[in-house]
Protein backbone atom coordinates (compact mmCIF):
# COMPACT_ATOMS: atom_id res chain seq x y z
CA UNK A 1 4.01 -22.64 -21.09
CA UNK A 2 5.52 -19.72 -23.07
CA UNK A 3 3.98 -17.81 -20.00
CA UNK A 4 5.84 -20.22 -17.48
CA UNK A 5 9.00 -20.32 -19.53
CA UNK A 6 9.40 -16.31 -19.63
CA UNK A 7 8.80 -16.32 -16.17
CA UNK A 8 10.92 -18.39 -15.31
CA UNK A 9 13.72 -17.21 -16.67
CA UNK A 10 13.10 -13.75 -15.06
CA UNK A 11 12.58 -15.20 -11.61
CA UNK A 12 16.56 -16.74 -12.40
CA UNK A 13 17.38 -13.37 -12.69
CA UNK A 14 15.91 -12.24 -9.73
CA UNK A 15 17.04 -14.88 -7.72
CA UNK A 16 20.65 -14.48 -8.71
CA UNK A 17 20.36 -10.58 -7.89
CA UNK A 18 18.32 -11.69 -4.51
CA UNK A 19 21.38 -13.76 -3.60
CA UNK A 20 23.95 -11.40 -4.67
CA UNK A 21 22.58 -9.12 -1.82
CA UNK A 22 21.89 -12.18 0.83
CA UNK A 23 18.12 -11.01 0.18
CA UNK A 24 16.60 -14.72 -0.28
CA UNK A 25 15.61 -15.10 3.47
CA UNK A 26 11.67 -14.70 2.36
CA UNK A 27 11.82 -18.10 1.01
CA UNK A 28 12.36 -19.84 3.85
CA UNK A 29 8.71 -19.82 4.68
CA UNK A 30 8.24 -21.69 1.17
CA UNK A 31 8.35 -25.28 1.86
CA UNK A 32 10.60 -27.42 -0.53
CA UNK A 33 13.19 -25.03 -0.74
CA UNK A 34 15.93 -25.68 1.36
CA UNK A 35 17.56 -27.47 -1.49
CA UNK A 36 17.22 -23.34 -3.15
CA UNK A 37 18.28 -21.80 -0.20
CA UNK A 38 21.67 -24.17 0.05
CA UNK A 39 22.48 -23.14 -3.04
CA UNK A 40 21.94 -19.59 -3.10
CA UNK A 41 24.98 -19.45 -0.03
CA UNK A 42 27.70 -19.88 -2.56
CA UNK A 43 26.59 -16.89 -4.69
CA UNK A 44 28.89 -14.38 -2.67
CA UNK A 45 27.36 -10.99 -1.94
CA UNK A 46 29.72 -8.07 -3.03
CA UNK A 47 32.22 -7.59 -0.40
CA UNK A 48 31.60 -4.74 1.79
CA UNK A 49 27.88 -3.47 -0.10
CA UNK A 50 25.55 -5.47 2.43
CA UNK A 51 27.78 -6.26 5.44
CA UNK A 52 26.19 -4.98 8.42
CA UNK A 53 23.37 -4.49 7.31
CA UNK A 54 19.76 -5.99 8.63
CA UNK A 55 17.97 -8.98 6.69
CA UNK A 56 15.23 -6.00 5.46
CA UNK A 57 18.08 -3.72 4.93
CA UNK A 58 19.56 -6.15 2.20
CA UNK A 59 16.65 -6.17 0.78
CA UNK A 60 15.39 -3.13 0.65
CA UNK A 61 18.63 -2.43 -1.65
CA UNK A 62 18.28 -5.43 -3.56
CA UNK A 63 14.45 -4.30 -4.19
CA UNK A 64 15.70 -0.73 -5.19
CA UNK A 65 18.24 -2.08 -7.65
CA UNK A 66 16.15 -4.47 -9.20
CA UNK A 67 13.87 -1.23 -10.45
CA UNK A 68 10.25 0.41 -9.93
CA UNK A 69 8.29 -2.30 -10.00
CA UNK A 70 10.17 -4.29 -7.11
CA UNK A 71 9.96 -0.63 -5.51
CA UNK A 72 6.54 -1.05 -5.17
CA UNK A 73 6.49 -4.27 -4.33
CA UNK A 74 8.81 -3.55 -1.21
CA UNK A 75 6.56 -1.11 -0.05
CA UNK A 76 3.53 -3.56 -0.51
CA UNK A 77 5.36 -6.07 1.73
CA UNK A 78 6.07 -3.20 4.29
CA UNK A 79 2.42 -3.57 4.84
CA UNK A 80 2.99 -7.20 5.89
CA UNK A 81 4.59 -7.89 8.81
CA UNK A 82 2.56 -10.88 9.52
CA UNK A 83 4.36 -12.60 7.03
CA UNK A 84 7.97 -10.81 6.96
CA UNK A 85 8.18 -9.64 10.58
CA UNK A 86 7.98 -5.86 12.64
CA UNK A 87 11.79 -5.62 11.64
CA UNK A 88 11.99 -5.81 8.01
CA UNK A 89 8.30 -4.10 7.63
CA UNK A 90 10.62 -1.20 9.20
CA UNK A 91 13.13 -1.40 6.60
CA UNK A 92 10.92 -1.49 4.07
CA UNK A 93 8.57 0.75 4.91
CA UNK A 94 11.27 3.68 4.42
CA UNK A 95 11.72 2.25 0.67
CA UNK A 96 10.91 5.37 -1.51
CA UNK A 97 11.10 5.00 -5.33
CA UNK A 98 14.19 7.93 -5.75
CA UNK A 99 15.42 6.90 -8.75
CA UNK A 100 17.31 9.17 -11.60
CA UNK A 101 15.20 11.85 -13.59
CA UNK A 102 14.61 10.97 -16.93
CA UNK A 103 15.88 14.16 -19.68
CA UNK A 104 13.94 17.30 -19.75
CA UNK A 105 13.77 17.02 -23.53
CA UNK A 106 11.79 13.79 -23.17
CA UNK A 107 9.58 14.91 -20.92
CA UNK A 108 8.72 18.13 -22.75
CA UNK A 109 8.01 15.83 -25.78
CA UNK A 110 5.56 13.53 -23.79
CA UNK A 111 4.16 17.33 -22.81
CA UNK A 112 3.40 18.57 -26.12
CA UNK A 113 2.35 14.68 -27.38
CA UNK A 114 -0.06 15.16 -24.97
CA UNK A 115 -1.76 18.47 -25.01
CA UNK A 116 -1.59 18.34 -29.31
CA UNK A 117 0.49 21.50 -29.18
CA UNK A 118 3.68 23.35 -28.84
CA UNK A 119 5.25 23.80 -25.14
CA UNK A 120 5.07 27.73 -25.80
CA UNK A 121 1.41 27.50 -26.15
CA UNK A 122 0.38 26.71 -22.75
CA UNK A 123 3.73 27.80 -20.42
CA UNK A 124 5.59 30.68 -20.92
CA UNK A 125 8.54 29.25 -19.09
CA UNK A 126 9.35 25.84 -18.41
CA UNK A 127 12.18 24.04 -15.87
CA UNK A 128 13.74 21.64 -17.60
CA UNK A 129 15.30 20.20 -14.94
CA UNK A 130 13.19 18.06 -13.03
CA UNK A 131 12.63 19.09 -8.95
CA UNK A 132 11.89 15.16 -7.89
CA UNK A 133 11.82 11.78 -9.78
CA UNK A 134 9.86 8.49 -8.91
CA UNK A 135 9.34 5.22 -10.48
CA UNK A 136 6.71 6.31 -12.21
CA UNK A 137 6.74 9.97 -12.86
CA UNK A 138 8.93 13.14 -12.19
CA UNK A 139 7.97 16.57 -11.59
CA UNK A 140 8.87 19.94 -13.27
CA UNK A 141 7.95 23.44 -12.10
CA UNK A 142 6.85 26.07 -15.09
CA UNK A 143 5.02 29.09 -15.56
CA UNK A 144 1.44 29.08 -17.24
CA UNK A 145 0.95 31.56 -20.26
CA UNK A 146 -1.54 33.75 -18.11
CA UNK A 147 1.24 33.66 -15.69
CA UNK A 148 0.36 31.19 -12.47
CA UNK A 149 3.29 29.46 -10.90
CA UNK A 150 2.77 25.48 -11.47
CA UNK A 151 3.98 21.72 -10.46
CA UNK A 152 3.68 19.84 -14.44
CA UNK A 153 4.25 15.74 -13.76
CA UNK A 154 4.88 13.99 -16.43
CA UNK A 155 4.55 10.15 -16.47
CA UNK A 156 7.71 8.29 -17.46
CA UNK A 157 8.25 7.13 -20.86
CA UNK A 158 7.60 3.32 -21.26
CA UNK A 159 6.19 2.79 -18.01
CA UNK A 160 3.21 1.00 -18.68
CA UNK A 161 4.46 -1.31 -20.56
CA UNK A 162 7.50 -2.08 -18.05
CA UNK A 163 4.98 -2.52 -14.89
CA UNK A 164 2.76 -4.63 -17.24
CA UNK A 165 5.26 -6.67 -17.84
CA UNK A 166 6.92 -6.93 -13.93
CA UNK A 167 2.72 -7.42 -12.58
CA UNK A 168 2.20 -10.25 -14.86
CA UNK A 169 5.35 -11.89 -13.82
CA UNK A 170 3.75 -11.06 -9.75
CA UNK A 171 0.24 -12.24 -10.51
CA UNK A 172 1.90 -15.73 -12.45
CA UNK A 173 3.56 -16.40 -8.97
CA UNK A 174 0.66 -15.25 -6.76
CA UNK A 175 -1.58 -17.45 -8.41
CA UNK A 176 1.47 -20.61 -8.07
CA UNK A 177 1.16 -19.64 -4.42
CA UNK A 178 -2.23 -19.80 -3.84
CA UNK A 179 -2.15 -23.39 -4.92
CA UNK A 180 -0.36 -23.90 -1.43
CA UNK A 181 -3.20 -24.85 1.35
CA UNK A 182 -1.37 -22.94 3.87
CA UNK A 183 -0.98 -19.88 1.72
CA UNK A 184 -4.68 -19.34 0.45
CA UNK A 185 -5.79 -17.40 3.43
CA UNK A 186 -2.96 -14.91 2.65
CA UNK A 187 -4.96 -14.29 -0.63
CA UNK A 188 -1.89 -13.08 -2.53
CA UNK A 189 -3.74 -13.09 -6.03
CA UNK A 190 -6.21 -10.70 -4.44
CA UNK A 191 -3.21 -8.99 -2.38
CA UNK A 192 -1.32 -8.62 -6.03
CA UNK A 193 -4.92 -7.42 -7.80
CA UNK A 194 -4.77 -4.32 -6.05
CA UNK A 195 -1.03 -3.42 -5.92
CA UNK A 196 -2.11 -3.96 -9.89
CA UNK A 197 -4.83 -1.52 -9.47
CA UNK A 198 -3.05 1.03 -7.15
CA UNK A 199 -0.08 0.92 -10.48
CA UNK A 200 -2.99 1.57 -12.93
CA UNK A 201 -4.83 4.09 -10.75
CA UNK A 202 -1.15 5.97 -11.14
CA UNK A 203 -0.54 5.43 -14.70
CA UNK A 204 -3.57 7.60 -15.52
CA UNK A 205 -2.71 11.03 -14.15
CA UNK A 206 -6.30 12.34 -14.69
CA UNK A 207 -7.03 9.80 -11.84
CA UNK A 208 -4.90 11.74 -9.25
CA UNK A 209 -5.97 14.95 -10.69
CA UNK A 210 -9.88 13.52 -9.82
CA UNK A 211 -8.44 12.06 -6.13
CA UNK A 212 -7.12 15.03 -5.85
CA UNK A 213 -10.21 17.16 -5.89
CA UNK A 214 -11.76 14.63 -3.98
CA UNK A 215 -9.80 15.14 -1.35
CA UNK A 216 -9.67 19.46 -1.55
CA UNK A 217 -13.39 18.90 -1.33
CA UNK A 218 -13.49 16.90 1.37
CA UNK A 219 -11.27 19.62 3.31
CA UNK A 220 -13.04 22.46 1.36
CA UNK A 221 -13.37 25.65 3.83
CA UNK A 222 -10.70 23.62 6.65
CA UNK A 223 -7.90 26.17 7.52
CA UNK A 224 -5.26 23.49 8.70
CA UNK A 225 -5.29 21.15 5.74
CA UNK A 226 -5.00 21.94 2.04
CA UNK A 227 -4.80 20.14 -1.28
CA UNK A 228 -3.06 22.09 -4.54
CA UNK A 229 -5.33 22.69 -7.03
CA UNK A 230 -5.67 21.24 -10.26
CA UNK A 231 -5.72 22.87 -13.39
CA UNK A 232 -7.59 20.77 -15.67
CA UNK A 233 -7.28 21.92 -19.02
CA UNK A 234 -3.46 21.21 -18.91
CA UNK A 235 -4.09 17.89 -17.42
CA UNK A 236 -4.21 14.88 -19.09
CA UNK A 237 -3.53 10.61 -18.90
CA UNK A 238 0.13 11.48 -18.64
CA UNK A 239 0.07 14.81 -17.63
CA UNK A 240 -0.64 16.54 -14.60
CA UNK A 241 -0.50 20.35 -13.34
CA UNK A 242 -1.52 21.98 -10.11
CA UNK A 243 -0.79 24.91 -8.37
CA UNK A 244 3.00 25.24 -7.36
CA UNK A 245 3.00 24.40 -3.46
CA UNK A 246 5.47 27.24 -1.64
CA UNK A 247 6.14 25.61 1.86
CA UNK A 248 8.67 23.60 3.98
CA UNK A 249 9.11 20.22 4.40
CA UNK A 250 7.16 19.10 7.08
CA UNK A 251 10.39 16.71 8.14
CA UNK A 252 12.82 20.13 8.06
CA UNK A 253 12.54 20.88 11.71
CA UNK A 254 15.48 23.42 11.54
CA UNK A 255 12.92 25.31 8.81
CA UNK A 256 10.04 25.16 11.19
CA UNK A 257 11.49 26.14 13.88
CA UNK A 258 13.06 29.26 12.06
CA UNK A 259 9.70 30.25 10.79
CA UNK A 260 8.09 29.77 14.37
CA UNK A 261 6.33 26.90 13.64
CA UNK A 262 5.26 25.00 16.51
CA UNK A 263 5.97 21.04 15.79
CA UNK A 264 3.15 20.03 18.48
CA UNK A 265 0.42 22.04 16.79
CA UNK A 266 1.47 20.35 13.35
CA UNK A 267 1.08 17.23 14.55
CA UNK A 268 -2.28 18.14 15.97
CA UNK A 269 -3.55 19.37 12.99
CA UNK A 270 -2.19 16.07 11.51
CA UNK A 271 -3.78 13.41 13.53
CA UNK A 272 -7.28 16.23 13.17
CA UNK A 273 -6.50 15.86 9.04
CA UNK A 274 -5.83 12.26 9.86
CA UNK A 275 -8.71 10.93 11.57
CA UNK A 276 -11.07 13.31 8.90
CA UNK A 277 -10.12 11.56 6.12
CA UNK A 278 -10.00 7.75 7.63
CA UNK A 279 -13.33 8.07 9.44
CA UNK A 280 -15.20 11.08 8.46
CA UNK A 281 -14.82 10.50 4.88
CA UNK A 282 -13.41 7.09 4.20
CA UNK A 283 -11.07 8.36 1.50
CA UNK A 284 -7.09 9.31 2.58
CA UNK A 285 -4.24 9.87 1.50
CA UNK A 286 -2.25 6.27 1.47
CA UNK A 287 1.20 7.77 1.27
CA UNK A 288 1.97 10.99 3.51
CA UNK A 289 5.89 10.30 4.34
CA UNK A 290 7.60 13.54 4.75
CA UNK A 291 8.31 14.30 0.84
CA UNK A 292 4.20 14.73 0.64
CA UNK A 293 3.48 17.39 3.43
CA UNK A 294 4.33 21.10 3.65
CA UNK A 295 3.93 23.34 6.06
CA UNK A 296 2.61 26.58 4.48
CA UNK A 297 3.65 29.93 6.44
CA UNK A 298 0.62 30.11 8.04
CA UNK A 299 0.69 27.10 9.80
CA UNK A 300 -2.01 24.85 7.29
CA UNK A 301 -0.13 21.39 6.36
CA UNK A 302 -0.45 21.22 2.37
CA UNK A 303 -0.35 17.50 0.81
CA UNK A 304 1.10 16.73 -2.84
CA UNK A 305 1.10 13.01 -4.76
CA UNK A 306 -1.90 11.86 -4.56
CA UNK A 307 -1.36 9.03 -7.28
CA UNK A 308 -2.33 6.07 -4.19
CA UNK A 309 -5.48 6.57 -2.33
CA UNK A 310 -7.21 4.63 -0.01
CA UNK A 311 -10.96 4.04 1.19
CA UNK A 312 -12.57 2.50 3.72
CA UNK A 313 -16.60 1.73 3.34
CA UNK A 314 -18.73 2.10 6.82
CA UNK A 315 -18.31 -1.12 7.86
CA UNK A 316 -14.52 -1.10 7.90
CA UNK A 317 -14.78 2.73 9.97
CA UNK A 318 -16.99 1.15 12.47
CA UNK A 319 -14.66 -2.05 12.66
CA UNK A 320 -11.40 -0.28 13.41
CA UNK A 321 -12.59 2.65 15.48
CA UNK A 322 -14.26 -0.41 17.97
CA UNK A 323 -10.89 -2.02 17.44
CA UNK A 324 -8.95 1.05 18.31
CA UNK A 325 -10.95 1.95 21.21
CA UNK A 326 -11.22 -1.47 22.95
CA UNK A 327 -7.59 -1.37 23.43
CA UNK A 328 -7.08 1.48 24.37
CA UNK A 329 -9.66 0.98 27.07
CA UNK A 330 -8.34 -2.54 28.25
CA UNK A 331 -11.89 -4.11 26.26
CA UNK A 332 -9.81 -6.56 24.80
CA UNK A 333 -13.92 -9.02 24.87
CA UNK A 334 -14.45 -6.02 22.52
CA UNK A 335 -11.89 -6.48 20.57
CA UNK A 336 -12.53 -9.90 19.59
CA UNK A 337 -16.09 -9.49 19.33
CA UNK A 338 -15.72 -6.74 16.85
CA UNK A 339 -13.39 -9.85 14.68
CA UNK A 340 -15.91 -12.16 14.79
CA UNK A 341 -18.75 -10.05 13.97
CA UNK A 342 -17.03 -8.73 11.08
CA UNK A 343 -16.42 -12.06 10.05
CA UNK A 344 -12.37 -11.96 9.97
CA UNK A 345 -12.18 -14.58 12.20
CA UNK A 346 -13.94 -17.77 11.32
CA UNK A 347 -17.71 -18.45 13.73
CA UNK A 348 -15.86 -22.05 14.41
CA UNK A 349 -12.91 -20.47 16.00
CA UNK A 350 -13.08 -19.53 20.19
CA UNK A 351 -13.87 -16.50 20.76
CA UNK A 352 -12.27 -16.52 24.40
CA UNK A 353 -9.35 -18.08 23.10
CA UNK A 354 -9.13 -14.80 20.73
CA UNK A 355 -10.36 -12.58 23.79
CA UNK A 356 -7.11 -14.53 25.32
CA UNK A 357 -4.76 -13.31 22.09
CA UNK A 358 -5.64 -10.04 21.89
CA UNK A 359 -4.98 -9.64 25.98
CA UNK A 360 -1.38 -10.26 24.84
CA UNK A 361 -0.99 -7.90 22.50
CA UNK A 362 -2.71 -4.88 24.61
CA UNK A 363 -2.09 -5.70 28.23
CA UNK A 364 1.62 -4.61 28.01
CA UNK A 365 -0.05 -1.04 26.54
CA UNK A 366 -1.88 -0.85 29.85
CA UNK A 367 -0.52 1.97 32.51
CA UNK A 368 1.41 3.17 29.82
CA UNK A 369 0.68 6.94 28.84
CA UNK A 370 -1.07 7.31 25.41
CA UNK A 371 2.44 8.46 24.45
CA UNK A 372 4.41 6.18 24.77
CA UNK A 373 2.12 3.80 22.53
CA UNK A 374 2.32 2.69 19.03
CA UNK A 375 -1.21 2.11 17.41
CA UNK A 376 0.91 1.08 14.32
CA UNK A 377 2.78 -1.57 16.17
CA UNK A 378 -0.15 -2.56 17.69
CA UNK A 379 -2.36 -3.22 14.68
CA UNK A 380 0.99 -4.95 13.22
CA UNK A 381 1.48 -7.80 15.89
CA UNK A 382 -2.79 -8.19 15.65
CA UNK A 383 -2.22 -9.23 12.09
CA UNK A 384 0.46 -11.48 13.36
CA UNK A 385 -2.07 -13.78 15.39
CA UNK A 386 -4.19 -14.39 12.12
CA UNK A 387 -2.55 -17.55 11.56
CA UNK A 388 -3.62 -19.18 14.56
CA UNK A 389 -6.78 -17.51 13.97
CA UNK A 390 -7.34 -18.77 10.24
CA UNK A 391 -8.04 -15.18 9.81
CA UNK A 392 -8.17 -14.37 5.91
CA UNK A 393 -6.10 -11.35 5.30
CA UNK A 394 -7.41 -7.91 4.42
CA UNK A 395 -6.58 -6.27 1.59
CA UNK A 396 -8.76 -2.82 2.15
CA UNK A 397 -7.09 -2.83 5.61
CA UNK A 398 -2.88 -3.29 4.43
CA UNK A 399 -2.57 -0.22 2.77
CA UNK A 400 -4.50 1.61 5.83
CA UNK A 401 -1.91 0.02 8.12
CA UNK A 402 0.78 1.53 5.97
CA UNK A 403 -0.27 4.59 6.19
CA UNK A 404 -1.16 4.79 10.01
CA UNK A 405 2.70 3.31 10.03
CA UNK A 406 3.59 6.22 7.83
CA UNK A 407 1.47 8.84 9.82
CA UNK A 408 2.95 8.16 13.55
CA UNK A 409 6.60 8.22 12.57
CA UNK A 410 5.87 11.79 11.10
CA UNK A 411 4.47 12.07 14.89
CA UNK A 412 7.26 11.37 15.88
CA UNK A 413 9.77 12.96 14.08
CA UNK A 414 8.05 16.29 14.50
CA UNK A 415 7.41 15.66 18.18
CA UNK A 416 8.50 12.30 19.85
CA UNK A 417 6.57 13.64 22.99
CA UNK A 418 2.96 14.35 21.64
CA UNK A 419 1.14 10.70 20.06
CA UNK A 420 -0.87 11.65 17.16
CA UNK A 421 -3.65 8.85 18.31
CA UNK A 422 -4.03 10.41 21.99
CA UNK A 423 -4.77 13.49 19.88
CA UNK A 424 -7.47 11.61 17.78
CA UNK A 425 -8.75 9.23 20.53
CA UNK A 426 -10.95 12.07 21.54
CA UNK A 427 -12.62 12.87 17.91
CA UNK A 428 -13.24 9.20 17.02
CA UNK A 429 -15.01 8.64 20.56
CA UNK A 430 -17.02 11.91 19.41
CA UNK A 431 -17.72 10.51 16.01
CA UNK A 432 -18.71 6.63 17.27
CA UNK A 433 -21.35 8.28 19.63
CA UNK A 434 -22.62 10.74 16.63
CA UNK A 435 -22.96 7.39 14.26
CA UNK A 436 -23.51 4.91 16.08
CA UNK A 437 -26.64 6.29 18.23
CA UNK A 438 -30.09 4.65 18.42
CA UNK A 439 -31.12 7.82 15.89
CA UNK A 440 -27.89 6.85 13.67
CA UNK A 441 -28.19 3.11 13.45
CA UNK A 442 -32.05 3.27 12.66
CA UNK A 443 -30.73 5.77 9.72
CA UNK A 444 -28.43 3.69 8.68
CA UNK A 445 -30.58 0.25 8.59
CA UNK A 446 -33.10 2.45 6.42
CA UNK A 447 -30.16 3.56 3.88
CA UNK A 448 -29.46 -0.63 3.75
CA UNK A 449 -32.98 -1.72 3.14
CA UNK A 450 -33.45 0.87 0.26
CA UNK A 451 -30.45 0.26 -0.93
CA UNK A 452 -31.21 -3.88 -1.12
CA UNK A 453 -34.70 -2.75 -3.13
CA UNK A 454 -33.19 -1.21 -5.31
CA UNK A 455 -30.93 -4.49 -6.06
CA UNK A 456 -34.05 -6.49 -5.93
CA UNK A 457 -34.56 -6.30 -10.01
CA UNK A 458 -31.37 -7.36 -10.26
CA UNK A 459 -31.55 -10.24 -8.01
CA UNK A 460 -34.52 -11.24 -9.72
CA UNK A 461 -33.22 -11.74 -13.12
CA UNK A 462 -29.94 -13.43 -12.02
CA UNK A 463 -32.64 -15.88 -10.03
CA UNK A 464 -34.54 -16.15 -13.51
CA UNK A 465 -31.30 -16.90 -14.87
CA UNK A 466 -30.31 -19.36 -12.48
CA UNK A 467 -34.03 -21.56 -12.99
CA UNK A 468 -33.64 -20.92 -16.84
CA UNK A 469 -30.23 -23.45 -16.82
CA UNK A 470 -31.57 -25.86 -14.27
CA UNK A 471 -34.36 -26.07 -16.80
CA UNK A 472 -31.81 -26.58 -19.46
CA UNK A 473 -29.45 -29.85 -17.72
CA UNK A 474 -27.99 -27.89 -15.17
CA UNK A 475 -25.16 -25.18 -13.95
CA UNK A 476 -22.21 -24.60 -16.27
CA UNK A 477 -19.07 -24.26 -13.61
CA UNK A 478 -16.07 -22.24 -14.60
CA UNK A 479 -12.67 -23.83 -14.70
CA UNK A 480 -11.81 -22.07 -11.74
CA UNK A 481 -14.80 -23.29 -10.03
CA UNK A 482 -13.90 -26.69 -10.78
CA UNK A 483 -10.67 -26.59 -10.03
CA UNK A 484 -11.70 -25.28 -6.52
CA UNK A 485 -13.74 -27.80 -6.11
CA UNK A 486 -11.59 -30.46 -7.45
CA UNK A 487 -8.91 -28.81 -4.58
CA UNK A 488 -5.72 -28.74 -7.27
CA UNK A 489 -2.70 -28.29 -4.70
CA UNK A 490 -0.37 -30.28 -2.64
CA UNK A 491 1.92 -32.73 -3.16
CA UNK A 492 0.91 -32.14 -7.27
CA UNK A 493 1.81 -28.63 -7.20
CA UNK A 494 2.81 -26.98 -10.27
CA UNK A 495 5.11 -24.64 -8.29
CA UNK A 496 7.14 -26.71 -7.50
CA UNK A 497 8.91 -27.83 -10.64
CA UNK A 498 10.02 -24.01 -12.20
CA UNK A 499 11.87 -23.24 -8.32
CA UNK A 500 13.89 -26.30 -9.01
CA UNK A 501 14.96 -25.74 -12.20
CA UNK A 502 15.30 -22.12 -10.69
CA UNK A 503 17.66 -23.76 -8.46
CA UNK A 504 19.24 -25.71 -10.76
CA UNK A 505 20.32 -22.72 -12.87
CA UNK A 506 21.31 -21.01 -9.30
CA UNK A 507 24.06 -23.81 -8.74
CA UNK A 508 25.50 -23.87 -12.13
CA UNK A 509 26.10 -19.63 -12.18
CA UNK A 510 27.66 -20.38 -8.49
CA UNK A 511 29.57 -23.28 -10.09
CA UNK A 512 30.88 -21.09 -12.76
CA UNK A 513 31.68 -18.24 -10.36
CA UNK A 514 33.75 -20.38 -8.04
CA UNK A 515 35.75 -21.48 -10.97
CA UNK A 516 36.38 -18.35 -12.36
CA UNK A 517 37.32 -17.07 -8.58
CA UNK A 518 39.81 -19.80 -8.75
CA UNK A 519 41.60 -18.37 -11.71
């Protein structure tokens, strides 16, 4: 009860803030909130601040002002065009967590506490003014006592506590939403859980260092894509030290041209690197906006900021390759069959009807040059038909979709006449020939069989435990299982009463505002 009351107070504050920015439109899809929205209309947005802005732009502005946790939420929502529409998702995809830096003296205190020695024992020079600041950390340039130029990333003081508070609120909301049968397929609790995992990853900079090291290992010897090396002796949970990158920001076209670097060639290298990350390795940089990519004077692309990474297992890599090639070649039956084989569409649905739906997405692309095809838009449209065919949300693909949107935007920024996917297509086809041939399939089957044998002792142990429970009076069901069997939700949904209370509170504030305005 105390948790619900605490979150209710936070909801009132958030609702008021969203109403002031005329950004409550996402609530239209929730049944029973029409009265709440009517009351919220009395709360007038500041004159001129949001006038003329699109819905997504108003929401992005509101989330940015609500703070770091809500910026992360907006970035997560930017992958859910099936929920909020393509235009709003596009507006939120540009939501960067640029926030004012905290004082350099506080950064020094964090570094000294983490390393256990005075700053001067690790760095001969340290720039007190941060060169970049985000919601989780900020970056300072420095020189080590050995003379190496480095970038020092420092976690914000108190950031863990702030994110823990806001993530608990989001989890509570997701739990209430998931009680509605209509929203269960979207798996909001799992989506929030993945957001929490991503944030937790960013809260321990040793994990980011490990991600950088893994990506560097994957691209060892690659002359076209580099990752800065990690100074492990100076890296800890709250401090990450890497080599300093000297290059041109990938979005600075004038500087690239002045350095005689060909944007087309940069797009080619970016496409090859993206293909290698996703299909070859199944481990990819999931925040490829222009601020995280530089181009060296030798033309190599250099990535930074490895706090948000994504993984795709073998099955999902095959699914993605089959699906993309099916669309690009007009084989819509293949696209549909892949979804059914992967279990993304329930077997009870009609594969013929799903094939028709896929055709409605892909047919407008036929006859178009590859330069005019947006794979990011194609995936977005595909996710939009999920409700019709009762497809469950696939959280492992949401991060990839966002990354593809960012990568595609980067390619169009560098050279609108070149399409990254036209450059990647031969690489994907070659990868599929090598990995899906008869010998490759046989090897994968043998590998899976060996993995199954390795799990056999654990499975036998579980079976023995099951028999023991049955012999002692049956199985004990967890409270969550009991609630699922009982089918709690629907008309008795407990989400309704806190939202009605929030509506009444907003109404009271609106009346107070109107009274004050009349005087």
